[in-house]
Amino acid sequence: MPLLPVPVFAPGASTGRTPATLRTVLHRTSKDLRRRLTPRAPGAAVPHRTPAWRLWADLARGYLALALTLLPRPRPARTVTVFVASTDPLGARPGGPAPY
């Protein structure tokens, strides 16, 4: 069963996709070169490929996220809520009732 065409550093790659022999490398390289040098018809659709810089940036971002998980995080400040109850009812005023 052939391996799926997943880039080496893609998140879906379960193992490293490395060619087994020099013959395989030369065969794939020549096939790719032939495909690139073949003249295309005007208006033909070009398959979308992810640029190499984006793959490397995605890999770097993944390693950075992994490294940031190892850094100690500050703990949230502990707060204590204090309720104060007075003995006087809320409507009572010091010094007697309110003037009219």
N, C-alpha and C. Protein backbone atom coordinates (compact mmCIF):
# COMPACT_ATOMS: atom_id res chain seq x y z
N MET A 1 0.85 -1.18 0.00
CA MET A 1 0.00 0.00 0.00
C MET A 1 0.90 1.24 0.00
N PRO A 2 0.74 2.16 -0.94
CA PRO A 2 1.60 3.36 -0.99
C PRO A 2 1.22 4.33 0.12
N LEU A 3 2.20 5.14 0.54
CA LEU A 3 1.95 6.15 1.56
C LEU A 3 1.13 7.29 0.96
N LEU A 4 0.37 7.93 1.81
CA LEU A 4 -0.43 9.06 1.36
C LEU A 4 0.48 10.25 1.05
N PRO A 5 0.09 11.09 0.10
CA PRO A 5 0.93 12.24 -0.25
C PRO A 5 0.81 13.36 0.78
N VAL A 6 1.37 13.15 1.96
CA VAL A 6 1.34 14.14 3.03
C VAL A 6 2.76 14.67 3.21
N PRO A 7 2.94 16.00 3.27
CA PRO A 7 4.28 16.54 3.49
C PRO A 7 4.86 16.04 4.81
N VAL A 8 6.17 16.03 4.89
CA VAL A 8 6.86 15.48 6.06
C VAL A 8 6.46 16.19 7.34
N PHE A 9 6.36 17.52 7.30
CA PHE A 9 6.10 18.28 8.50
C PHE A 9 4.64 18.65 8.68
N ALA A 10 3.74 18.03 7.94
CA ALA A 10 2.32 18.32 8.08
C ALA A 10 1.80 17.71 9.38
N PRO A 11 0.77 18.33 9.97
CA PRO A 11 0.21 17.78 11.20
C PRO A 11 -0.36 16.38 11.01
N GLY A 12 -0.79 16.03 9.79
CA GLY A 12 -1.37 14.72 9.55
C GLY A 12 -0.36 13.63 9.27
N ALA A 13 0.92 13.98 9.23
CA ALA A 13 1.94 12.99 8.94
C ALA A 13 2.21 12.18 10.20
N SER A 14 1.94 10.89 10.14
CA SER A 14 2.16 10.07 11.33
C SER A 14 3.62 9.66 11.46
N THR A 15 4.32 9.51 10.35
CA THR A 15 5.74 9.19 10.36
C THR A 15 6.44 10.05 9.32
N GLY A 16 7.74 10.09 9.37
CA GLY A 16 8.49 10.84 8.38
C GLY A 16 8.37 10.18 7.02
N ARG A 17 8.07 10.97 6.01
CA ARG A 17 7.94 10.45 4.65
C ARG A 17 9.27 10.64 3.94
N THR A 18 10.17 9.68 4.04
CA THR A 18 11.45 9.78 3.38
C THR A 18 11.57 8.67 2.34
N PRO A 19 12.12 8.99 1.17
CA PRO A 19 12.27 7.96 0.15
C PRO A 19 13.25 6.88 0.60
N ALA A 20 13.04 5.67 0.09
CA ALA A 20 13.85 4.54 0.54
C ALA A 20 15.19 4.45 -0.20
N THR A 21 15.20 4.75 -1.49
CA THR A 21 16.42 4.54 -2.26
C THR A 21 16.73 5.75 -3.13
N LEU A 22 17.95 5.76 -3.66
CA LEU A 22 18.34 6.82 -4.58
C LEU A 22 17.52 6.75 -5.86
N ARG A 23 17.18 5.55 -6.29
CA ARG A 23 16.38 5.37 -7.51
C ARG A 23 15.01 6.04 -7.36
N THR A 24 14.40 5.91 -6.17
CA THR A 24 13.10 6.53 -5.93
C THR A 24 13.21 8.05 -5.98
N VAL A 25 14.27 8.60 -5.40
CA VAL A 25 14.46 10.04 -5.41
C VAL A 25 14.62 10.56 -6.82
N LEU A 26 15.46 9.90 -7.60
CA LEU A 26 15.68 10.33 -8.99
C LEU A 26 14.41 10.20 -9.82
N HIS A 27 13.65 9.15 -9.60
CA HIS A 27 12.41 8.94 -10.35
C HIS A 27 11.41 10.05 -10.05
N ARG A 28 11.23 10.36 -8.77
CA ARG A 28 10.27 11.41 -8.40
C ARG A 28 10.72 12.78 -8.88
N THR A 29 12.02 13.04 -8.78
CA THR A 29 12.53 14.34 -9.21
C THR A 29 12.37 14.53 -10.72
N SER A 30 12.68 13.49 -11.48
CA SER A 30 12.54 13.61 -12.94
C SER A 30 11.07 13.74 -13.33
N LYS A 31 10.20 13.02 -12.66
CA LYS A 31 8.77 13.11 -12.96
C LYS A 31 8.25 14.52 -12.67
N ASP A 32 8.68 15.10 -11.53
CA ASP A 32 8.26 16.45 -11.17
C ASP A 32 8.82 17.48 -12.14
N LEU A 33 10.06 17.30 -12.56
CA LEU A 33 10.68 18.22 -13.50
C LEU A 33 9.98 18.16 -14.86
N ARG A 34 9.65 16.94 -15.32
CA ARG A 34 8.92 16.80 -16.58
C ARG A 34 7.57 17.50 -16.50
N ARG A 35 6.89 17.36 -15.38
CA ARG A 35 5.57 17.97 -15.22
C ARG A 35 5.67 19.49 -15.23
N ARG A 36 6.73 20.03 -14.62
CA ARG A 36 6.89 21.48 -14.59
C ARG A 36 7.29 22.06 -15.94
N LEU A 37 8.06 21.31 -16.72
CA LEU A 37 8.53 21.83 -18.01
C LEU A 37 7.55 21.62 -19.15
N THR A 38 6.54 20.80 -18.96
CA THR A 38 5.56 20.56 -20.01
C THR A 38 4.73 21.81 -20.24
N PRO A 39 4.59 22.26 -21.51
CA PRO A 39 3.79 23.46 -21.76
C PRO A 39 2.31 23.19 -21.44
N ARG A 40 1.70 24.16 -20.81
CA ARG A 40 0.29 24.04 -20.43
C ARG A 40 -0.56 24.82 -21.40
N ALA A 41 -1.79 24.37 -21.52
CA ALA A 41 -2.75 25.10 -22.35
C ALA A 41 -3.14 26.37 -21.61
N PRO A 42 -3.36 27.47 -22.33
CA PRO A 42 -3.77 28.70 -21.65
C PRO A 42 -5.12 28.49 -20.96
N GLY A 43 -5.22 29.01 -19.75
CA GLY A 43 -6.47 28.89 -19.01
C GLY A 43 -6.60 27.57 -18.26
N ALA A 44 -5.57 26.72 -18.32
CA ALA A 44 -5.64 25.46 -17.59
C ALA A 44 -5.48 25.73 -16.09
N ALA A 45 -6.22 25.00 -15.30
CA ALA A 45 -6.18 25.19 -13.86
C ALA A 45 -4.88 24.61 -13.29
N VAL A 46 -4.23 25.36 -12.43
CA VAL A 46 -3.01 24.91 -11.78
C VAL A 46 -3.40 24.43 -10.39
N PRO A 47 -2.98 23.23 -10.00
CA PRO A 47 -3.35 22.75 -8.67
C PRO A 47 -2.73 23.61 -7.57
N HIS A 48 -3.49 23.83 -6.53
CA HIS A 48 -3.03 24.67 -5.42
C HIS A 48 -2.04 23.90 -4.56
N ARG A 49 -0.88 24.51 -4.31
CA ARG A 49 0.12 23.91 -3.43
C ARG A 49 0.44 24.90 -2.33
N THR A 50 0.61 24.39 -1.14
CA THR A 50 0.97 25.24 -0.01
C THR A 50 2.44 25.63 -0.14
N PRO A 51 2.75 26.92 -0.05
CA PRO A 51 4.15 27.34 -0.17
C PRO A 51 5.00 26.76 0.96
N ALA A 52 6.26 26.55 0.67
CA ALA A 52 7.17 25.95 1.65
C ALA A 52 7.33 26.82 2.88
N TRP A 53 7.35 28.15 2.70
CA TRP A 53 7.52 29.04 3.85
C TRP A 53 6.37 28.90 4.82
N ARG A 54 5.17 28.63 4.29
CA ARG A 54 4.01 28.49 5.17
C ARG A 54 4.09 27.20 5.99
N LEU A 55 4.60 26.14 5.36
CA LEU A 55 4.77 24.88 6.09
C LEU A 55 5.79 25.06 7.22
N TRP A 56 6.89 25.77 6.92
CA TRP A 56 7.90 26.00 7.95
C TRP A 56 7.36 26.90 9.05
N ALA A 57 6.58 27.91 8.67
CA ALA A 57 6.00 28.81 9.68
C ALA A 57 5.03 28.06 10.57
N ASP A 58 4.26 27.15 10.00
CA ASP A 58 3.33 26.34 10.79
C ASP A 58 4.08 25.44 11.76
N LEU A 59 5.18 24.85 11.30
CA LEU A 59 5.99 24.01 12.17
C LEU A 59 6.60 24.82 13.31
N ALA A 60 7.12 26.02 12.99
CA ALA A 60 7.71 26.87 14.02
C ALA A 60 6.66 27.30 15.04
N ARG A 61 5.47 27.61 14.56
CA ARG A 61 4.39 28.02 15.47
C ARG A 61 4.01 26.87 16.41
N GLY A 62 4.00 25.66 15.89
CA GLY A 62 3.70 24.50 16.72
C GLY A 62 4.73 24.28 17.80
N TYR A 63 6.02 24.41 17.46
CA TYR A 63 7.08 24.25 18.45
C TYR A 63 7.05 25.39 19.47
N LEU A 64 6.72 26.59 19.03
CA LEU A 64 6.62 27.72 19.95
C LEU A 64 5.49 27.50 20.95
N ALA A 65 4.35 27.01 20.47
CA ALA A 65 3.24 26.72 21.37
C ALA A 65 3.61 25.63 22.37
N LEU A 66 4.35 24.63 21.92
CA LEU A 66 4.80 23.58 22.82
C LEU A 66 5.77 24.12 23.87
N ALA A 67 6.66 25.00 23.46
CA ALA A 67 7.62 25.58 24.40
C ALA A 67 6.91 26.48 25.41
N LEU A 68 5.88 27.21 24.98
CA LEU A 68 5.17 28.09 25.89
C LEU A 68 4.39 27.31 26.94
N THR A 69 3.99 26.08 26.64
CA THR A 69 3.29 25.28 27.65
C THR A 69 4.23 24.85 28.76
N LEU A 70 5.54 24.84 28.51
CA LEU A 70 6.50 24.44 29.53
C LEU A 70 6.86 25.57 30.49
N LEU A 71 6.59 26.82 30.10
CA LEU A 71 6.90 27.95 30.97
C LEU A 71 5.90 28.02 32.12
N PRO A 72 6.36 28.38 33.32
CA PRO A 72 5.42 28.49 34.43
C PRO A 72 4.49 29.68 34.23
N ARG A 73 3.23 29.48 34.55
CA ARG A 73 2.24 30.54 34.40
C ARG A 73 1.97 31.16 35.76
N PRO A 74 1.73 32.47 35.81
CA PRO A 74 1.41 33.10 37.10
C PRO A 74 0.04 32.63 37.58
N ARG A 75 -0.02 32.37 38.87
CA ARG A 75 -1.30 31.93 39.44
C ARG A 75 -2.18 33.16 39.66
N PRO A 76 -3.48 32.98 39.55
CA PRO A 76 -4.36 34.12 39.81
C PRO A 76 -4.29 34.51 41.29
N ALA A 77 -4.42 35.79 41.56
CA ALA A 77 -4.37 36.27 42.95
C ALA A 77 -5.57 35.73 43.71
N ARG A 78 -5.30 35.27 44.92
CA ARG A 78 -6.39 34.76 45.75
C ARG A 78 -7.07 35.95 46.43
N THR A 79 -8.38 35.93 46.38
CA THR A 79 -9.15 37.02 46.99
C THR A 79 -10.02 36.46 48.10
N VAL A 80 -10.28 37.29 49.08
CA VAL A 80 -11.15 36.92 50.18
C VAL A 80 -12.25 37.97 50.25
N THR A 81 -13.49 37.53 50.26
CA THR A 81 -14.62 38.44 50.35
C THR A 81 -15.05 38.52 51.81
N VAL A 82 -15.17 39.74 52.31
CA VAL A 82 -15.56 39.96 53.70
C VAL A 82 -16.90 40.67 53.72
N PHE A 83 -17.87 40.09 54.43
CA PHE A 83 -19.17 40.73 54.61
C PHE A 83 -19.22 41.32 56.01
N VAL A 84 -19.64 42.57 56.10
CA VAL A 84 -19.76 43.25 57.39
C VAL A 84 -21.23 43.50 57.63
N ALA A 85 -21.74 43.01 58.76
CA ALA A 85 -23.15 43.22 59.12
C ALA A 85 -23.21 44.16 60.30
N SER A 86 -24.09 45.16 60.22
CA SER A 86 -24.23 46.10 61.33
C SER A 86 -25.42 45.68 62.19
N THR A 87 -25.41 46.12 63.42
CA THR A 87 -26.51 45.77 64.33
C THR A 87 -27.69 46.69 64.14
N ASP A 88 -27.48 47.89 63.60
CA ASP A 88 -28.59 48.83 63.37
C ASP A 88 -29.32 48.46 62.10
N PRO A 89 -30.65 48.62 62.07
CA PRO A 89 -31.38 48.41 60.81
C PRO A 89 -30.95 49.45 59.77
N LEU A 90 -31.17 49.15 58.54
CA LEU A 90 -30.72 50.04 57.46
C LEU A 90 -31.40 51.40 57.47
N GLY A 91 -32.64 51.47 57.93
CA GLY A 91 -33.38 52.73 57.90
C GLY A 91 -33.07 53.64 59.06
N ALA A 92 -32.44 53.16 60.11
CA ALA A 92 -32.18 54.01 61.29
C ALA A 92 -31.03 54.95 61.01
N ARG A 93 -31.19 56.20 61.45
CA ARG A 93 -30.15 57.20 61.29
C ARG A 93 -29.60 57.55 62.65
N PRO A 94 -28.35 57.81 62.70
CA PRO A 94 -27.82 58.23 63.99
C PRO A 94 -28.33 59.61 64.37
N GLY A 95 -28.73 59.78 65.59
CA GLY A 95 -29.20 61.08 66.05
C GLY A 95 -30.69 61.28 65.89
N GLY A 96 -31.47 60.24 65.59
CA GLY A 96 -32.92 60.37 65.50
C GLY A 96 -33.44 60.37 64.09
N PRO A 97 -34.76 60.59 63.93
CA PRO A 97 -35.37 60.57 62.61
C PRO A 97 -34.94 61.77 61.76
N ALA A 98 -35.11 61.65 60.47
CA ALA A 98 -34.74 62.72 59.55
C ALA A 98 -35.69 63.89 59.70
N PRO A 99 -35.17 65.13 59.58
CA PRO A 99 -36.07 66.30 59.69
C PRO A 99 -36.96 66.41 58.46
N TYR A 100 -38.13 67.05 58.70
CA TYR A 100 -39.07 67.22 57.60
C TYR A 100 -38.78 68.43 56.79
